[in-house]
């Protein structure tokens, strides 16, 4: 039945492309999580009235975040080619896509982190300060635990956006399902290959959404 519906699809190529899409997504989600939380904390803590109130740093951080959020991803990949070549040693393959994926998604996630941190009850923060808690204690024992459900929901949204980014990156040689759909599907007019890649991308999105929803509900005790 598979051969009848997808006569031009080579299972080995499909499996390899799926694995590359998973690798790209998982590694870039981890990188985005780290840099997004750091940027989000910096945005939140340097705001007026917060622990590290500092207008110049807040302005510069917000400007950097807004600039990278504004650049379309496909253009960002092209802009970062010299940096990617310096960092990874190549501009082709799924590893070469990682810097652009992380730099493109981290600012987006940083804003979601900032929104999540703003939802934390200020009374809890004030109580921790009144008890003499250090800033690091407030961050790791109050801010991050209290905002965890929002951070996970935001990361789920970002991960799904990253899956879309990997498909775009595939069009310029990053590998994965996007590359297979473009090179073997679109350019050869084998539209069953495009359909097979689309179905697998949808399945990957469903998997990430399910895991994100499960973790968010598990942690949210409200």
N, C-alpha and C. Protein backbone atom coordinates (compact mmCIF):
# COMPACT_ATOMS: atom_id res chain seq x y z
N UNK A 1 0.83 -1.22 0.00
CA UNK A 1 0.00 0.00 0.00
C UNK A 1 0.86 1.27 0.00
N UNK A 2 1.97 1.23 0.79
CA UNK A 2 2.86 2.39 0.86
C UNK A 2 3.42 2.74 -0.52
N UNK A 3 3.84 1.67 -1.25
CA UNK A 3 4.43 1.89 -2.58
C UNK A 3 3.38 2.42 -3.58
N UNK A 4 2.12 2.04 -3.36
CA UNK A 4 1.07 2.51 -4.26
C UNK A 4 0.78 3.99 -4.05
N UNK A 5 0.76 4.40 -2.79
CA UNK A 5 0.44 5.79 -2.47
C UNK A 5 1.65 6.73 -2.61
N UNK A 6 2.84 6.16 -2.33
CA UNK A 6 4.05 6.99 -2.38
C UNK A 6 5.11 6.30 -3.25
N UNK A 7 4.87 6.22 -4.55
CA UNK A 7 5.77 5.44 -5.42
C UNK A 7 7.19 6.01 -5.52
N UNK A 8 7.36 7.32 -5.30
CA UNK A 8 8.69 7.92 -5.46
C UNK A 8 9.44 8.11 -4.14
N UNK A 9 8.81 7.69 -3.05
CA UNK A 9 9.44 7.88 -1.74
C UNK A 9 10.38 6.72 -1.45
N UNK A 10 11.63 7.06 -1.09
CA UNK A 10 12.60 6.05 -0.66
C UNK A 10 12.60 6.03 0.86
N UNK A 11 12.13 4.92 1.48
CA UNK A 11 12.01 4.89 2.94
C UNK A 11 13.29 5.27 3.68
N UNK A 12 14.44 4.84 3.17
CA UNK A 12 15.70 5.16 3.86
C UNK A 12 15.95 6.66 3.87
N UNK A 13 15.66 7.33 2.75
CA UNK A 13 15.83 8.80 2.69
C UNK A 13 14.86 9.49 3.64
N UNK A 14 13.62 8.96 3.68
CA UNK A 14 12.59 9.55 4.54
C UNK A 14 12.99 9.41 6.02
N UNK A 15 13.52 8.26 6.38
CA UNK A 15 13.93 8.02 7.76
C UNK A 15 15.09 8.95 8.13
N UNK A 16 16.08 9.04 7.24
CA UNK A 16 17.24 9.90 7.50
C UNK A 16 16.81 11.36 7.66
N UNK A 17 15.91 11.82 6.79
CA UNK A 17 15.43 13.20 6.86
C UNK A 17 14.64 13.45 8.15
N UNK A 18 13.84 12.45 8.54
CA UNK A 18 13.07 12.59 9.79
C UNK A 18 14.01 12.70 10.99
N UNK A 19 15.03 11.85 11.00
CA UNK A 19 16.00 11.88 12.10
C UNK A 19 16.70 13.24 12.15
N UNK A 20 17.07 13.77 10.98
CA UNK A 20 17.74 15.08 10.95
C UNK A 20 16.82 16.18 11.47
N UNK A 21 15.54 16.12 11.11
CA UNK A 21 14.59 17.12 11.60
C UNK A 21 14.46 17.03 13.12
N UNK A 22 14.41 15.80 13.65
CA UNK A 22 14.36 15.62 15.11
C UNK A 22 15.61 16.18 15.77
N UNK A 23 16.79 15.86 15.23
CA UNK A 23 18.04 16.36 15.81
C UNK A 23 18.05 17.89 15.83
N UNK A 24 17.72 18.47 14.67
CA UNK A 24 17.73 19.94 14.57
C UNK A 24 16.78 20.55 15.59
N UNK A 25 15.58 19.97 15.69
CA UNK A 25 14.56 20.54 16.59
C UNK A 25 14.97 20.40 18.05
N UNK A 26 15.40 19.20 18.44
CA UNK A 26 15.72 18.96 19.86
C UNK A 26 16.92 19.80 20.31
N UNK A 27 17.99 19.80 19.50
CA UNK A 27 19.18 20.57 19.90
C UNK A 27 18.87 22.07 19.93
N UNK A 28 18.12 22.54 18.93
CA UNK A 28 17.82 23.98 18.90
C UNK A 28 16.83 24.37 20.01
N UNK A 29 15.94 23.44 20.42
CA UNK A 29 15.05 23.73 21.55
C UNK A 29 15.86 23.88 22.83
N UNK A 30 16.86 23.01 23.01
CA UNK A 30 17.71 23.11 24.21
C UNK A 30 18.48 24.44 24.21
N UNK A 31 19.07 24.79 23.07
CA UNK A 31 19.79 26.07 22.98
C UNK A 31 18.87 27.26 23.18
N UNK A 32 17.67 27.18 22.60
CA UNK A 32 16.70 28.27 22.75
C UNK A 32 16.24 28.40 24.19
N UNK A 33 16.07 27.28 24.86
CA UNK A 33 15.67 27.29 26.28
C UNK A 33 16.70 28.04 27.12
N UNK A 34 17.97 27.72 26.92
CA UNK A 34 19.03 28.34 27.72
C UNK A 34 19.11 29.85 27.43
N UNK A 35 19.28 30.22 26.16
CA UNK A 35 19.45 31.64 25.83
C UNK A 35 18.15 32.43 26.02
N UNK A 36 17.01 31.78 25.77
CA UNK A 36 15.73 32.47 25.95
C UNK A 36 15.47 32.83 27.40
N UNK A 37 15.77 31.88 28.30
CA UNK A 37 15.56 32.16 29.73
C UNK A 37 16.52 33.25 30.21
N UNK A 38 17.77 33.19 29.76
CA UNK A 38 18.73 34.23 30.16
C UNK A 38 18.27 35.62 29.69
N UNK A 39 17.86 35.70 28.43
CA UNK A 39 17.40 36.99 27.89
C UNK A 39 16.10 37.44 28.57
N UNK A 40 15.19 36.48 28.79
CA UNK A 40 13.91 36.82 29.44
C UNK A 40 14.11 37.32 30.85
N UNK A 41 15.01 36.65 31.59
CA UNK A 41 15.32 37.11 32.95
C UNK A 41 15.92 38.51 32.93
N UNK A 42 16.84 38.73 31.98
CA UNK A 42 17.49 40.05 31.89
C UNK A 42 16.46 41.13 31.58
N UNK A 43 15.53 40.82 30.67
CA UNK A 43 14.47 41.79 30.34
C UNK A 43 13.62 42.09 31.56
N UNK A 44 13.26 41.04 32.30
CA UNK A 44 12.37 41.22 33.45
C UNK A 44 13.07 41.91 34.62
N UNK A 45 14.26 41.44 34.96
CA UNK A 45 14.93 41.94 36.16
C UNK A 45 15.42 43.38 36.02
N UNK A 46 15.72 43.82 34.79
CA UNK A 46 16.23 45.19 34.60
C UNK A 46 15.12 46.21 34.35
N UNK A 47 13.86 45.72 34.36
CA UNK A 47 12.75 46.66 34.21
C UNK A 47 12.63 47.56 35.43
N UNK A 48 11.95 48.70 35.25
CA UNK A 48 11.77 49.63 36.36
C UNK A 48 11.02 48.97 37.52
N UNK A 49 11.56 49.11 38.71
CA UNK A 49 10.91 48.56 39.90
C UNK A 49 11.30 47.13 40.23
N UNK A 50 12.12 46.49 39.34
CA UNK A 50 12.53 45.11 39.61
C UNK A 50 13.93 45.05 40.21
N UNK A 51 14.40 43.85 40.48
CA UNK A 51 15.60 43.65 41.30
C UNK A 51 16.86 44.30 40.73
N UNK A 52 17.03 44.24 39.41
CA UNK A 52 18.24 44.81 38.79
C UNK A 52 17.88 46.04 37.95
N UNK A 53 16.95 46.82 38.39
CA UNK A 53 16.49 47.97 37.60
C UNK A 53 17.65 48.71 36.94
N UNK A 54 17.65 48.71 35.62
CA UNK A 54 18.74 49.37 34.87
C UNK A 54 18.21 49.71 33.48
N UNK A 55 17.88 50.95 33.28
CA UNK A 55 17.22 51.34 32.02
C UNK A 55 18.08 51.11 30.78
N UNK A 56 19.39 51.51 30.80
CA UNK A 56 20.19 51.29 29.57
C UNK A 56 20.30 49.81 29.18
N UNK A 57 20.56 48.94 30.18
CA UNK A 57 20.68 47.51 29.86
C UNK A 57 19.35 46.96 29.37
N UNK A 58 18.27 47.40 30.00
CA UNK A 58 16.94 46.93 29.56
C UNK A 58 16.65 47.38 28.13
N UNK A 59 17.04 48.63 27.82
CA UNK A 59 16.79 49.17 26.47
C UNK A 59 17.60 48.39 25.42
N UNK A 60 18.89 48.15 25.71
CA UNK A 60 19.75 47.44 24.75
C UNK A 60 19.26 46.00 24.56
N UNK A 61 18.92 45.33 25.67
CA UNK A 61 18.44 43.94 25.58
C UNK A 61 17.15 43.87 24.76
N UNK A 62 16.22 44.79 25.07
CA UNK A 62 14.95 44.80 24.34
C UNK A 62 15.17 45.10 22.85
N UNK A 63 16.13 45.99 22.56
CA UNK A 63 16.41 46.32 21.15
C UNK A 63 16.96 45.11 20.41
N UNK A 64 17.91 44.40 21.04
CA UNK A 64 18.49 43.20 20.41
C UNK A 64 17.39 42.15 20.16
N UNK A 65 16.55 41.93 21.18
CA UNK A 65 15.47 40.95 21.05
C UNK A 65 14.52 41.35 19.92
N UNK A 66 14.14 42.61 19.89
CA UNK A 66 13.19 43.06 18.86
C UNK A 66 13.79 42.97 17.45
N UNK A 67 15.06 43.31 17.33
CA UNK A 67 15.71 43.27 16.00
C UNK A 67 15.72 41.84 15.46
N UNK A 68 16.16 40.88 16.30
CA UNK A 68 16.26 39.50 15.80
C UNK A 68 14.89 38.87 15.61
N UNK A 69 13.89 39.34 16.37
CA UNK A 69 12.53 38.84 16.13
C UNK A 69 11.96 39.37 14.82
N UNK A 70 12.45 40.55 14.42
CA UNK A 70 11.88 41.20 13.23
C UNK A 70 12.45 40.64 11.92
N UNK A 71 13.64 40.02 11.99
CA UNK A 71 14.27 39.53 10.75
C UNK A 71 13.61 38.21 10.33
N UNK A 72 13.08 38.13 9.12
CA UNK A 72 12.52 36.86 8.63
C UNK A 72 13.57 35.75 8.70
N UNK A 73 13.13 34.55 9.08
CA UNK A 73 14.10 33.48 9.36
C UNK A 73 14.95 33.13 8.15
N UNK A 74 14.34 33.08 6.97
CA UNK A 74 15.10 32.67 5.78
C UNK A 74 16.22 33.69 5.48
N UNK A 75 15.97 34.97 5.79
CA UNK A 75 17.00 35.99 5.59
C UNK A 75 18.05 35.89 6.70
N UNK A 76 17.62 35.57 7.91
CA UNK A 76 18.56 35.43 9.03
C UNK A 76 19.59 34.34 8.74
N UNK A 77 19.13 33.24 8.14
CA UNK A 77 20.08 32.15 7.80
C UNK A 77 21.15 32.68 6.86
N UNK A 78 20.72 33.44 5.85
CA UNK A 78 21.69 33.96 4.87
C UNK A 78 22.64 34.95 5.53
N UNK A 79 22.10 35.81 6.41
CA UNK A 79 22.95 36.80 7.10
C UNK A 79 24.00 36.12 7.97
N UNK A 80 23.64 34.97 8.54
CA UNK A 80 24.53 34.30 9.49
C UNK A 80 25.50 33.32 8.83
N UNK A 81 25.49 33.24 7.50
CA UNK A 81 26.39 32.29 6.83
C UNK A 81 27.85 32.44 7.26
N UNK A 82 28.42 33.67 7.29
CA UNK A 82 29.83 33.80 7.73
C UNK A 82 30.04 33.33 9.16
N UNK A 83 29.11 33.70 10.05
CA UNK A 83 29.21 33.29 11.45
C UNK A 83 29.09 31.77 11.58
N UNK A 84 28.13 31.18 10.82
CA UNK A 84 27.94 29.73 10.85
C UNK A 84 29.18 29.01 10.34
N UNK A 85 29.77 29.52 9.26
CA UNK A 85 30.97 28.92 8.69
C UNK A 85 32.11 28.96 9.70
N UNK A 86 32.23 30.10 10.42
CA UNK A 86 33.28 30.25 11.43
C UNK A 86 33.05 29.29 12.59
N UNK A 87 31.79 29.16 13.01
CA UNK A 87 31.46 28.38 14.20
C UNK A 87 31.46 26.88 13.94
N UNK A 88 30.83 26.46 12.83
CA UNK A 88 30.62 25.03 12.55
C UNK A 88 31.60 24.50 11.51
N UNK A 89 32.16 25.39 10.69
CA UNK A 89 33.10 24.96 9.65
C UNK A 89 32.43 24.62 8.34
N UNK A 90 31.12 24.81 8.25
CA UNK A 90 30.39 24.55 7.01
C UNK A 90 29.07 25.33 7.05
N UNK A 91 28.48 25.53 5.89
CA UNK A 91 27.16 26.18 5.85
C UNK A 91 26.10 25.22 5.33
N UNK A 92 26.45 23.93 5.25
CA UNK A 92 25.49 22.94 4.77
C UNK A 92 25.31 21.85 5.81
N UNK A 93 24.15 21.20 5.78
CA UNK A 93 23.87 20.13 6.73
C UNK A 93 23.11 20.64 7.95
N UNK A 94 22.55 19.69 8.70
CA UNK A 94 21.68 20.08 9.81
C UNK A 94 22.43 20.78 10.94
N UNK A 95 23.73 20.44 11.13
CA UNK A 95 24.49 21.11 12.18
C UNK A 95 24.68 22.59 11.87
N UNK A 96 24.83 22.91 10.58
CA UNK A 96 25.02 24.31 10.17
C UNK A 96 23.76 25.14 10.38
N UNK A 97 22.61 24.48 10.48
CA UNK A 97 21.36 25.22 10.68
C UNK A 97 21.16 25.64 12.14
N UNK A 98 21.88 24.97 13.04
CA UNK A 98 21.62 25.19 14.47
C UNK A 98 21.84 26.64 14.94
N UNK A 99 22.96 27.31 14.58
CA UNK A 99 23.12 28.70 15.05
C UNK A 99 21.95 29.59 14.64
N UNK A 100 21.52 29.49 13.39
CA UNK A 100 20.40 30.33 12.94
C UNK A 100 19.11 29.97 13.65
N UNK A 101 18.88 28.67 13.86
CA UNK A 101 17.66 28.25 14.55
C UNK A 101 17.62 28.80 15.98
N UNK A 102 18.74 28.70 16.69
CA UNK A 102 18.77 29.17 18.08
C UNK A 102 18.69 30.70 18.13
N UNK A 103 19.46 31.37 17.28
CA UNK A 103 19.44 32.84 17.29
C UNK A 103 18.09 33.38 16.83
N UNK A 104 17.43 32.64 15.94
CA UNK A 104 16.12 33.08 15.47
C UNK A 104 15.01 32.86 16.48
N UNK A 105 15.12 31.77 17.27
CA UNK A 105 14.02 31.43 18.19
C UNK A 105 14.21 31.97 19.61
N UNK A 106 15.45 32.12 20.05
CA UNK A 106 15.69 32.55 21.45
C UNK A 106 15.05 33.91 21.77
N UNK A 107 15.14 34.92 20.90
CA UNK A 107 14.46 36.20 21.22
C UNK A 107 12.95 36.05 21.34
N UNK A 108 12.36 35.21 20.47
CA UNK A 108 10.92 34.96 20.54
C UNK A 108 10.56 34.33 21.88
N UNK A 109 11.34 33.33 22.29
CA UNK A 109 11.07 32.66 23.57
C UNK A 109 11.35 33.59 24.75
N UNK A 110 12.34 34.48 24.60
CA UNK A 110 12.67 35.42 25.68
C UNK A 110 11.46 36.28 26.03
N UNK A 111 10.72 36.72 25.03
CA UNK A 111 9.52 37.53 25.29
C UNK A 111 8.46 36.70 26.02
N UNK A 112 8.34 35.43 25.67
CA UNK A 112 7.38 34.56 26.36
C UNK A 112 7.82 34.33 27.81
N UNK A 113 9.13 34.21 28.01
CA UNK A 113 9.66 34.07 29.38
C UNK A 113 9.35 35.33 30.18
N UNK A 114 9.59 36.48 29.57
CA UNK A 114 9.31 37.76 30.26
C UNK A 114 7.83 37.84 30.67
N UNK A 115 6.93 37.45 29.75
CA UNK A 115 5.49 37.47 30.06
C UNK A 115 5.18 36.51 31.21
N UNK A 116 5.79 35.32 31.18
CA UNK A 116 5.57 34.35 32.25
C UNK A 116 6.04 34.86 33.60
N UNK A 117 7.19 35.53 33.61
CA UNK A 117 7.73 36.07 34.87
C UNK A 117 6.86 37.20 35.41
N UNK A 118 6.27 37.98 34.51
CA UNK A 118 5.40 39.09 34.95
C UNK A 118 4.12 38.58 35.62
N UNK A 119 3.75 37.33 35.33
CA UNK A 119 2.54 36.75 35.93
C UNK A 119 2.77 36.27 37.36
N UNK A 120 4.03 36.23 37.79
CA UNK A 120 4.32 35.79 39.16
C UNK A 120 3.83 36.87 40.13
N UNK A 121 3.15 36.43 41.18
CA UNK A 121 2.59 37.34 42.19
C UNK A 121 3.71 38.16 42.83
N UNK A 122 3.61 39.49 42.71
CA UNK A 122 4.67 40.35 43.26
C UNK A 122 4.75 40.21 44.78
N UNK A 123 3.62 39.83 45.42
CA UNK A 123 3.62 39.65 46.86
C UNK A 123 4.59 38.55 47.29
N UNK A 124 4.69 37.50 46.48
CA UNK A 124 5.60 36.40 46.79
C UNK A 124 7.05 36.88 46.71
N UNK A 125 7.32 37.70 45.70
CA UNK A 125 8.68 38.23 45.54
C UNK A 125 9.02 39.15 46.71
N UNK A 126 8.09 40.01 47.07
CA UNK A 126 8.32 40.94 48.18
C UNK A 126 8.53 40.18 49.49
N UNK A 127 7.76 39.12 49.67
CA UNK A 127 7.91 38.32 50.90
C UNK A 127 9.31 37.69 50.96
N UNK A 128 9.79 37.20 49.82
CA UNK A 128 11.13 36.61 49.78
C UNK A 128 12.19 37.66 50.07
N UNK A 129 12.00 38.87 49.52
CA UNK A 129 12.96 39.96 49.78
C UNK A 129 12.93 40.35 51.26
N UNK A 130 11.73 40.39 51.83
CA UNK A 130 11.60 40.77 53.25
C UNK A 130 12.30 39.77 54.16
N UNK A 131 12.36 38.51 53.72
CA UNK A 131 13.03 37.48 54.53
C UNK A 131 14.54 37.46 54.28
N UNK A 132 15.02 38.42 53.47
CA UNK A 132 16.46 38.54 53.23
C UNK A 132 16.99 37.61 52.15
N UNK A 133 16.12 37.09 51.28
CA UNK A 133 16.58 36.18 50.23
C UNK A 133 17.46 36.93 49.23
N UNK A 134 18.54 36.25 48.78
CA UNK A 134 19.42 36.83 47.77
C UNK A 134 18.70 36.81 46.42
N UNK A 135 19.24 37.59 45.49
CA UNK A 135 18.64 37.65 44.15
C UNK A 135 18.63 36.27 43.50
N UNK A 136 19.75 35.54 43.65
CA UNK A 136 19.81 34.19 43.04
C UNK A 136 18.74 33.28 43.64
N UNK A 137 18.50 33.44 44.95
CA UNK A 137 17.47 32.62 45.60
C UNK A 137 16.10 32.97 45.05
N UNK A 138 15.84 34.27 44.88
CA UNK A 138 14.54 34.70 44.34
C UNK A 138 14.34 34.16 42.92
N UNK A 139 15.43 34.18 42.14
CA UNK A 139 15.32 33.69 40.75
C UNK A 139 15.03 32.19 40.72
N UNK A 140 15.86 31.41 41.46
CA UNK A 140 15.78 29.96 41.34
C UNK A 140 14.73 29.32 42.26
N UNK A 141 14.35 30.03 43.33
CA UNK A 141 13.38 29.43 44.26
C UNK A 141 11.99 30.05 44.14
N UNK A 142 11.88 31.22 43.49
CA UNK A 142 10.59 31.89 43.40
C UNK A 142 10.17 32.09 41.92
N UNK A 143 10.95 32.89 41.20
CA UNK A 143 10.54 33.29 39.85
C UNK A 143 10.39 32.10 38.90
N UNK A 144 11.45 31.31 38.77
CA UNK A 144 11.40 30.21 37.79
C UNK A 144 10.40 29.12 38.20
N UNK A 145 10.37 28.67 39.46
CA UNK A 145 9.36 27.65 39.82
C UNK A 145 7.92 28.16 39.66
N UNK A 146 7.67 29.41 40.06
CA UNK A 146 6.30 29.94 39.99
C UNK A 146 5.83 30.12 38.55
N UNK A 147 6.75 30.40 37.65
CA UNK A 147 6.36 30.64 36.25
C UNK A 147 6.56 29.40 35.37
N UNK A 148 6.90 28.27 35.97
CA UNK A 148 7.26 27.08 35.19
C UNK A 148 6.17 26.63 34.19
N UNK A 149 4.88 26.57 34.60
CA UNK A 149 3.86 26.17 33.60
C UNK A 149 3.85 27.10 32.37
N UNK A 150 3.99 28.40 32.61
CA UNK A 150 4.01 29.35 31.49
C UNK A 150 5.28 29.17 30.65
N UNK A 151 6.40 28.87 31.31
CA UNK A 151 7.66 28.67 30.58
C UNK A 151 7.56 27.43 29.68
N UNK A 152 6.93 26.38 30.18
CA UNK A 152 6.79 25.15 29.38
C UNK A 152 5.82 25.37 28.22
N UNK A 153 4.71 26.07 28.49
CA UNK A 153 3.77 26.36 27.40
C UNK A 153 4.44 27.21 26.32
N UNK A 154 5.22 28.19 26.74
CA UNK A 154 5.95 29.04 25.79
C UNK A 154 6.97 28.25 25.00
N UNK A 155 7.64 27.31 25.68
CA UNK A 155 8.65 26.50 24.98
C UNK A 155 7.98 25.57 23.96
N UNK A 156 6.78 25.10 24.28
CA UNK A 156 6.06 24.24 23.33
C UNK A 156 5.73 25.03 22.05
N UNK A 157 5.23 26.25 22.24
CA UNK A 157 4.92 27.10 21.08
C UNK A 157 6.19 27.36 20.27
N UNK A 158 7.29 27.65 20.98
CA UNK A 158 8.56 27.93 20.29
C UNK A 158 9.07 26.70 19.55
N UNK A 159 8.94 25.52 20.18
CA UNK A 159 9.41 24.28 19.54
C UNK A 159 8.67 24.02 18.24
N UNK A 160 7.37 24.28 18.23
CA UNK A 160 6.58 24.07 17.01
C UNK A 160 6.99 25.08 15.93
N UNK A 161 7.28 26.30 16.36
CA UNK A 161 7.79 27.29 15.39
C UNK A 161 9.14 26.83 14.83
N UNK A 162 9.96 26.22 15.70
CA UNK A 162 11.28 25.74 15.25
C UNK A 162 11.15 24.62 14.22
N UNK A 163 10.14 23.78 14.36
CA UNK A 163 9.93 22.72 13.36
C UNK A 163 9.67 23.35 11.99
N UNK A 164 8.88 24.43 12.00
CA UNK A 164 8.65 25.17 10.75
C UNK A 164 9.94 25.79 10.22
N UNK A 165 10.77 26.30 11.13
CA UNK A 165 12.06 26.89 10.73
C UNK A 165 12.96 25.82 10.09
N UNK A 166 12.95 24.59 10.66
CA UNK A 166 13.83 23.54 10.09
C UNK A 166 13.42 23.21 8.66
N UNK A 167 12.10 23.28 8.40
CA UNK A 167 11.63 23.01 7.03
C UNK A 167 12.12 24.10 6.08
N UNK A 168 12.10 25.36 6.55
CA UNK A 168 12.61 26.47 5.71
C UNK A 168 14.11 26.33 5.49
N UNK A 169 14.82 25.96 6.57
CA UNK A 169 16.28 25.81 6.46
C UNK A 169 16.63 24.70 5.47
N UNK A 170 15.78 23.69 5.38
CA UNK A 170 16.02 22.58 4.46
C UNK A 170 16.06 23.02 3.02
N UNK A 171 15.35 24.09 2.70
CA UNK A 171 15.31 24.57 1.31
C UNK A 171 16.66 25.10 0.84
N UNK A 172 17.55 25.44 1.80
CA UNK A 172 18.88 25.93 1.40
C UNK A 172 19.98 25.00 1.90
N UNK A 173 19.65 23.72 1.98
CA UNK A 173 20.69 22.71 2.20
C UNK A 173 20.94 22.29 3.63
N UNK A 174 19.98 22.56 4.53
CA UNK A 174 20.20 22.17 5.93
C UNK A 174 19.82 20.72 6.20
N UNK A 175 19.30 20.04 5.21
CA UNK A 175 18.87 18.66 5.44
C UNK A 175 17.49 18.60 6.07
N UNK A 176 17.10 17.41 6.48
CA UNK A 176 15.80 17.24 7.12
C UNK A 176 14.67 17.10 6.13
N UNK A 177 13.45 17.07 6.65
CA UNK A 177 12.27 16.85 5.81
C UNK A 177 12.02 18.00 4.84
N UNK A 178 12.34 19.22 5.26
CA UNK A 178 12.18 20.37 4.36
C UNK A 178 13.05 20.23 3.13
N UNK A 179 14.28 19.79 3.34
CA UNK A 179 15.21 19.61 2.22
C UNK A 179 14.73 18.49 1.30
N UNK A 180 14.28 17.39 1.89
CA UNK A 180 13.80 16.27 1.07
C UNK A 180 12.58 16.69 0.24
N UNK A 181 11.65 17.42 0.89
CA UNK A 181 10.45 17.86 0.18
C UNK A 181 10.80 18.79 -0.97
N UNK A 182 11.78 19.67 -0.75
CA UNK A 182 12.14 20.65 -1.79
C UNK A 182 12.96 20.01 -2.92
N UNK A 183 14.03 19.28 -2.54
CA UNK A 183 14.96 18.76 -3.55
C UNK A 183 14.39 17.56 -4.31
N UNK A 184 13.80 16.61 -3.57
CA UNK A 184 13.30 15.40 -4.24
C UNK A 184 11.82 15.50 -4.58
N UNK A 185 11.10 16.36 -3.87
CA UNK A 185 9.67 16.49 -4.15
C UNK A 185 9.37 17.59 -5.14
N UNK A 186 9.71 18.82 -4.77
CA UNK A 186 9.34 19.97 -5.62
C UNK A 186 10.15 20.02 -6.92
N UNK A 187 11.48 19.91 -6.81
CA UNK A 187 12.31 20.07 -8.01
C UNK A 187 12.12 18.93 -9.01
N UNK A 188 11.79 17.73 -8.53
CA UNK A 188 11.57 16.61 -9.47
C UNK A 188 10.08 16.43 -9.79
N UNK A 189 9.25 17.30 -9.21
CA UNK A 189 7.80 17.20 -9.40
C UNK A 189 7.24 15.87 -8.88
N UNK A 190 7.88 15.31 -7.86
CA UNK A 190 7.37 14.09 -7.21
C UNK A 190 6.56 14.53 -5.99
N UNK A 191 5.30 14.85 -6.19
CA UNK A 191 4.52 15.47 -5.12
C UNK A 191 4.14 14.48 -4.01
N UNK A 192 4.26 13.18 -4.28
CA UNK A 192 4.03 12.23 -3.19
C UNK A 192 5.13 12.34 -2.13
N UNK A 193 6.34 12.74 -2.53
CA UNK A 193 7.42 12.96 -1.56
C UNK A 193 7.08 14.15 -0.67
N UNK A 194 6.55 15.22 -1.28
CA UNK A 194 6.15 16.40 -0.50
C UNK A 194 5.05 16.02 0.50
N UNK A 195 4.10 15.21 0.02
CA UNK A 195 3.00 14.80 0.90
C UNK A 195 3.51 13.96 2.08
N UNK A 196 4.42 13.04 1.79
CA UNK A 196 4.98 12.19 2.85
C UNK A 196 5.72 13.04 3.89
N UNK A 197 6.50 14.02 3.41
CA UNK A 197 7.25 14.89 4.32
C UNK A 197 6.29 15.74 5.16
N UNK A 198 5.23 16.22 4.52
CA UNK A 198 4.24 17.04 5.24
C UNK A 198 3.57 16.24 6.35
N UNK A 199 3.19 15.00 6.04
CA UNK A 199 2.55 14.14 7.06
C UNK A 199 3.48 13.93 8.25
N UNK A 200 4.77 13.67 7.95
CA UNK A 200 5.72 13.44 9.05
C UNK A 200 5.95 14.70 9.88
N UNK A 201 6.01 15.86 9.23
CA UNK A 201 6.18 17.12 9.97
C UNK A 201 4.97 17.35 10.90
N UNK A 202 3.77 17.07 10.40
CA UNK A 202 2.56 17.22 11.23
C UNK A 202 2.62 16.27 12.43
N UNK A 203 3.07 15.03 12.19
CA UNK A 203 3.19 14.07 13.30
C UNK A 203 4.19 14.58 14.35
N UNK A 204 5.34 15.13 13.88
CA UNK A 204 6.34 15.66 14.82
C UNK A 204 5.75 16.81 15.63
N UNK A 205 4.99 17.70 14.97
CA UNK A 205 4.33 18.81 15.68
C UNK A 205 3.39 18.27 16.75
N UNK A 206 2.60 17.26 16.40
CA UNK A 206 1.67 16.66 17.37
C UNK A 206 2.42 16.07 18.56
N UNK A 207 3.55 15.43 18.28
CA UNK A 207 4.34 14.83 19.38
C UNK A 207 4.82 15.91 20.34
N UNK A 208 5.39 16.99 19.80
CA UNK A 208 5.89 18.08 20.66
C UNK A 208 4.74 18.75 21.42
N UNK A 209 3.59 18.94 20.74
CA UNK A 209 2.45 19.56 21.41
C UNK A 209 1.94 18.67 22.55
N UNK A 210 1.89 17.37 22.30
CA UNK A 210 1.42 16.44 23.34
C UNK A 210 2.35 16.46 24.55
N UNK A 211 3.66 16.39 24.30
CA UNK A 211 4.62 16.40 25.41
C UNK A 211 4.52 17.71 26.19
N UNK A 212 4.43 18.84 25.47
CA UNK A 212 4.33 20.15 26.13
C UNK A 212 3.08 20.26 26.97
N UNK A 213 1.94 19.85 26.42
CA UNK A 213 0.66 19.92 27.16
C UNK A 213 0.70 19.02 28.39
N UNK A 214 1.28 17.82 28.22
CA UNK A 214 1.36 16.87 29.33
C UNK A 214 2.20 17.45 30.47
N UNK A 215 3.38 17.97 30.15
CA UNK A 215 4.26 18.52 31.19
C UNK A 215 3.64 19.74 31.86
N UNK A 216 3.02 20.60 31.05
CA UNK A 216 2.41 21.82 31.60
C UNK A 216 1.29 21.48 32.58
N UNK A 217 0.43 20.52 32.21
CA UNK A 217 -0.67 20.12 33.11
C UNK A 217 -0.14 19.42 34.35
N UNK A 218 0.93 18.66 34.19
CA UNK A 218 1.51 17.92 35.31
C UNK A 218 2.08 18.88 36.35
N UNK A 219 2.68 19.96 35.88
CA UNK A 219 3.36 20.89 36.80
C UNK A 219 2.40 21.93 37.37
N UNK A 220 1.41 22.32 36.56
CA UNK A 220 0.49 23.39 37.00
C UNK A 220 -0.45 22.85 38.08
N UNK A 221 -0.28 23.34 39.29
CA UNK A 221 -1.09 22.87 40.43
C UNK A 221 -2.27 23.80 40.73
N UNK A 222 -2.45 24.85 39.89
CA UNK A 222 -3.53 25.80 40.19
C UNK A 222 -4.90 25.18 39.92
